Amino acid sequence: MLNKYLITSTLLLSLFVLLACEDYPPTPKNSTTSANTTTKEFVEEDLSYNGKPLVLTKHARCRMDCRFIDAYEINEVLQQNKINERKTKREAKPCPSIAYEGITRDGQHARVIIGACDQKSPVVITVIDLKNEYQCACK
């Protein structure tokens, strides 16, 4: 009798563990799976602006890291196409800039400053989380 109880308990515990781990390993952030395919993660190299590759400055990368904003979220803000004209400096020299604002997938209210410093590639000058203060050590 004790042997049956032990076997039944072990089987139930194994079934519970198996069901609890059904979604393990978790699907990586920015990836989707279906059938037998996985789409690649959206990365910095995927960023574009007006048909041109978008370059991240060292300062922008530092701010992104400090403020937990990734390339996909920059793309989200740009796709929303909401320009803050008060923060935009279209006539600035040597680098005119446009300030885009939007909400990211994780609810951050972000501002992305795009600069047209030369005719080759537009650059992300900085990214800002408008609702949270961070202690960044960027220069």
C-alpha atoms as a PDB file:
ATOM      1  CA  MET A   1       0.000   0.000   0.000  1.00  0.00           C
ATOM      2  CA  LEU A   2       2.800   2.426   0.918  1.00  0.00           C
ATOM      3  CA  ASN A   3       4.540   1.562  -2.331  1.00  0.00           C
ATOM      4  CA  LYS A   4       1.421   2.487  -4.392  1.00  0.00           C
ATOM      5  CA  TYR A   5       1.116   5.781  -2.498  1.00  0.00           C
ATOM      6  CA  LEU A   6       4.787   6.593  -3.141  1.00  0.00           C
ATOM      7  CA  ILE A   7       4.522   5.831  -6.864  1.00  0.00           C
ATOM      8  CA  THR A   8       1.286   7.842  -7.217  1.00  0.00           C
ATOM      9  CA  SER A   9       2.781  10.800  -5.360  1.00  0.00           C
ATOM     10  CA  THR A  10       5.920  10.707  -7.485  1.00  0.00           C
ATOM     11  CA  LEU A  11       3.899  10.592 -10.707  1.00  0.00           C
ATOM     12  CA  LEU A  12       1.674  13.504  -9.610  1.00  0.00           C
ATOM     13  CA  LEU A  13       4.697  15.567  -8.599  1.00  0.00           C
ATOM     14  CA  SER A  14       6.392  14.822 -11.948  1.00  0.00           C
ATOM     15  CA  LEU A  15       3.242  15.832 -13.834  1.00  0.00           C
ATOM     16  CA  PHE A  16       3.038  19.093 -11.868  1.00  0.00           C
ATOM     17  CA  VAL A  17       6.693  19.945 -12.580  1.00  0.00           C
ATOM     18  CA  LEU A  18       6.254  19.099 -16.263  1.00  0.00           C
ATOM     19  CA  LEU A  19       3.189  21.346 -16.604  1.00  0.00           C
ATOM     20  CA  ALA A  20       4.811  24.184 -14.655  1.00  0.00           C
ATOM     21  CA  CYS A  21       7.833  24.167 -16.982  1.00  0.00           C
ATOM     22  CA  GLU A  22       5.836  23.961 -20.215  1.00  0.00           C
ATOM     23  CA  ASP A  23       6.953  27.449 -21.390  1.00  0.00           C
ATOM     24  CA  TYR A  24      10.577  26.909 -20.423  1.00  0.00           C
ATOM     25  CA  PRO A  25      12.859  28.272 -21.652  1.00  0.00           C
ATOM     26  CA  PRO A  26      10.875  31.497 -22.008  1.00  0.00           C
ATOM     27  CA  THR A  27      10.633  33.139 -25.409  1.00  0.00           C
ATOM     28  CA  PRO A  28      13.328  35.853 -25.609  1.00  0.00           C
ATOM     29  CA  LYS A  29      12.262  39.513 -25.548  1.00  0.00           C
ATOM     30  CA  ASN A  30      11.566  40.794 -29.095  1.00  0.00           C
ATOM     31  CA  SER A  31      11.256  37.268 -30.542  1.00  0.00           C
ATOM     32  CA  THR A  32       8.208  35.405 -31.666  1.00  0.00           C
ATOM     33  CA  THR A  33       7.819  31.735 -32.415  1.00  0.00           C
ATOM     34  CA  SER A  34       5.292  29.884 -34.489  1.00  0.00           C
ATOM     35  CA  ALA A  35       5.273  26.330 -35.759  1.00  0.00           C
ATOM     36  CA  ASN A  36       9.003  25.726 -36.210  1.00  0.00           C
ATOM     37  CA  THR A  37      10.214  29.265 -36.957  1.00  0.00           C
ATOM     38  CA  THR A  38      11.742  32.000 -34.840  1.00  0.00           C
ATOM     39  CA  THR A  39      12.046  35.600 -35.998  1.00  0.00           C
ATOM     40  CA  LYS A  40      15.327  37.319 -35.245  1.00  0.00           C
ATOM     41  CA  GLU A  41      15.546  39.862 -32.470  1.00  0.00           C
ATOM     42  CA  PHE A  42      15.298  43.529 -33.494  1.00  0.00           C
ATOM     43  CA  VAL A  43      18.775  45.014 -33.061  1.00  0.00           C
ATOM     44  CA  GLU A  44      20.564  48.312 -33.619  1.00  0.00           C
ATOM     45  CA  GLU A  45      21.471  47.385 -37.200  1.00  0.00           C
ATOM     46  CA  ASP A  46      17.741  47.132 -38.016  1.00  0.00           C
ATOM     47  CA  LEU A  47      17.136  50.812 -37.216  1.00  0.00           C
ATOM     48  CA  SER A  48      16.457  53.115 -40.135  1.00  0.00           C
ATOM     49  CA  TYR A  49      15.191  56.647 -40.635  1.00  0.00           C
ATOM     50  CA  ASN A  50      13.785  57.926 -43.931  1.00  0.00           C
ATOM     51  CA  GLY A  51      15.225  54.910 -45.717  1.00  0.00           C
ATOM     52  CA  LYS A  52      18.750  55.394 -44.344  1.00  0.00           C
ATOM     53  CA  PRO A  53      20.528  53.387 -41.644  1.00  0.00           C
ATOM     54  CA  LEU A  54      20.206  55.072 -38.264  1.00  0.00           C
ATOM     55  CA  VAL A  55      23.462  55.413 -36.321  1.00  0.00           C
ATOM     56  CA  LEU A  56      23.581  55.484 -32.513  1.00  0.00           C
ATOM     57  CA  THR A  57      26.040  57.904 -30.938  1.00  0.00           C
ATOM     58  CA  LYS A  58      28.138  56.770 -27.981  1.00  0.00           C
ATOM     59  CA  HIS A  59      26.049  59.115 -25.817  1.00  0.00           C
ATOM     60  CA  ALA A  60      22.778  57.605 -27.100  1.00  0.00           C
ATOM     61  CA  ARG A  61      24.007  54.068 -26.367  1.00  0.00           C
ATOM     62  CA  CYS A  62      24.958  55.079 -22.838  1.00  0.00           C
ATOM     63  CA  ARG A  63      21.550  56.706 -22.254  1.00  0.00           C
ATOM     64  CA  MET A  64      19.740  53.695 -23.696  1.00  0.00           C
ATOM     65  CA  ASP A  65      21.592  51.373 -21.357  1.00  0.00           C
ATOM     66  CA  CYS A  66      21.043  53.594 -18.332  1.00  0.00           C
ATOM     67  CA  ARG A  67      17.334  54.153 -19.086  1.00  0.00           C
ATOM     68  CA  PHE A  68      16.477  50.602 -20.155  1.00  0.00           C
ATOM     69  CA  ILE A  69      15.503  51.556 -23.718  1.00  0.00           C
ATOM     70  CA  ASP A  70      16.485  49.208 -26.546  1.00  0.00           C
ATOM     71  CA  ALA A  71      16.638  49.523 -30.342  1.00  0.00           C
ATOM     72  CA  TYR A  72      13.151  48.066 -30.770  1.00  0.00           C
ATOM     73  CA  GLU A  73      11.723  50.730 -28.450  1.00  0.00           C
ATOM     74  CA  ILE A  74      13.488  53.486 -30.407  1.00  0.00           C
ATOM     75  CA  ASN A  75      11.837  52.074 -33.513  1.00  0.00           C
ATOM     76  CA  GLU A  76       8.453  52.055 -31.727  1.00  0.00           C
ATOM     77  CA  VAL A  77       8.757  55.752 -30.852  1.00  0.00           C
ATOM     78  CA  LEU A  78       9.790  56.670 -34.407  1.00  0.00           C
ATOM     79  CA  GLN A  79       6.898  54.635 -35.862  1.00  0.00           C
ATOM     80  CA  GLN A  80       4.407  56.636 -33.769  1.00  0.00           C
ATOM     81  CA  ASN A  81       5.671  59.743 -35.643  1.00  0.00           C
ATOM     82  CA  LYS A  82       4.778  62.227 -32.876  1.00  0.00           C
ATOM     83  CA  ILE A  83       7.135  65.205 -33.120  1.00  0.00           C
ATOM     84  CA  ASN A  84       7.558  67.559 -30.182  1.00  0.00           C
ATOM     85  CA  GLU A  85       8.069  70.847 -32.068  1.00  0.00           C
ATOM     86  CA  ARG A  86       9.040  72.655 -28.856  1.00  0.00           C
ATOM     87  CA  LYS A  87      12.065  70.357 -28.440  1.00  0.00           C
ATOM     88  CA  THR A  88      12.836  70.128 -32.164  1.00  0.00           C
ATOM     89  CA  LYS A  89      15.652  72.319 -33.508  1.00  0.00           C
ATOM     90  CA  ARG A  90      15.363  72.166 -37.297  1.00  0.00           C
ATOM     91  CA  GLU A  91      17.666  75.156 -37.869  1.00  0.00           C
ATOM     92  CA  ALA A  92      20.406  74.216 -35.375  1.00  0.00           C
ATOM     93  CA  LYS A  93      23.971  74.217 -36.692  1.00  0.00           C
ATOM     94  CA  PRO A  94      25.854  71.995 -37.326  1.00  0.00           C
ATOM     95  CA  CYS A  95      23.274  69.370 -36.430  1.00  0.00           C
ATOM     96  CA  PRO A  96      19.536  70.050 -36.933  1.00  0.00           C
ATOM     97  CA  SER A  97      17.452  67.726 -34.765  1.00  0.00           C
ATOM     98  CA  ILE A  98      13.929  66.374 -34.472  1.00  0.00           C
ATOM     99  CA  ALA A  99      12.430  65.249 -31.154  1.00  0.00           C
ATOM    100  CA  TYR A 100      10.091  62.252 -31.397  1.00  0.00           C
ATOM    101  CA  GLU A 101       7.986  61.147 -28.448  1.00  0.00           C
ATOM    102  CA  GLY A 102       5.967  58.031 -27.805  1.00  0.00           C
ATOM    103  CA  ILE A 103       5.131  55.151 -25.518  1.00  0.00           C
ATOM    104  CA  THR A 104       7.276  52.004 -25.612  1.00  0.00           C
ATOM    105  CA  ARG A 105       6.023  48.430 -25.268  1.00  0.00           C
ATOM    106  CA  ASP A 106       6.855  48.471 -21.547  1.00  0.00           C
ATOM    107  CA  GLY A 107       5.017  51.749 -20.935  1.00  0.00           C
ATOM    108  CA  GLN A 108       7.937  54.180 -20.903  1.00  0.00           C
ATOM    109  CA  HIS A 109       7.127  57.662 -22.204  1.00  0.00           C
ATOM    110  CA  ALA A 110      10.258  58.212 -24.277  1.00  0.00           C
ATOM    111  CA  ARG A 111      11.803  60.985 -26.355  1.00  0.00           C
ATOM    112  CA  VAL A 112      14.251  60.135 -29.145  1.00  0.00           C
ATOM    113  CA  ILE A 113      16.339  62.961 -30.610  1.00  0.00           C
ATOM    114  CA  ILE A 114      17.369  62.351 -34.225  1.00  0.00           C
ATOM    115  CA  GLY A 115      20.105  64.523 -35.719  1.00  0.00           C
ATOM    116  CA  ALA A 116      20.856  65.197 -39.364  1.00  0.00           C
ATOM    117  CA  CYS A 117      24.508  66.053 -38.830  1.00  0.00           C
ATOM    118  CA  ASP A 118      25.585  65.113 -42.342  1.00  0.00           C
ATOM    119  CA  GLN A 119      23.959  63.843 -45.502  1.00  0.00           C
ATOM    120  CA  LYS A 120      25.183  60.248 -45.060  1.00  0.00           C
ATOM    121  CA  SER A 121      23.345  58.827 -42.077  1.00  0.00           C
ATOM    122  CA  PRO A 122      20.998  60.289 -39.489  1.00  0.00           C
ATOM    123  CA  VAL A 123      22.024  59.736 -35.861  1.00  0.00           C
ATOM    124  CA  VAL A 124      20.269  59.122 -32.560  1.00  0.00           C
ATOM    125  CA  ILE A 125      21.712  61.883 -30.402  1.00  0.00           C
ATOM    126  CA  THR A 126      20.014  60.836 -27.163  1.00  0.00           C
ATOM    127  CA  VAL A 127      17.028  59.010 -25.686  1.00  0.00           C
ATOM    128  CA  ILE A 128      15.079  60.178 -22.656  1.00  0.00           C
ATOM    129  CA  ASP A 129      12.553  58.512 -20.359  1.00  0.00           C
ATOM    130  CA  LEU A 130      10.224  61.442 -19.666  1.00  0.00           C
ATOM    131  CA  LYS A 131       8.621  59.945 -16.541  1.00  0.00           C
ATOM    132  CA  ASN A 132      11.641  58.628 -14.631  1.00  0.00           C
ATOM    133  CA  GLU A 133      14.903  60.157 -13.405  1.00  0.00           C
ATOM    134  CA  TYR A 134      18.044  58.049 -13.782  1.00  0.00           C
ATOM    135  CA  GLN A 135      21.559  58.624 -12.491  1.00  0.00           C
ATOM    136  CA  CYS A 136      23.469  58.130 -15.731  1.00  0.00           C
ATOM    137  CA  ALA A 137      27.216  58.660 -15.951  1.00  0.00           C
ATOM    138  CA  CYS A 138      27.219  59.500 -19.674  1.00  0.00           C
ATOM    139  CA  LYS A 139      29.384  62.245 -21.132  1.00  0.00           C
END
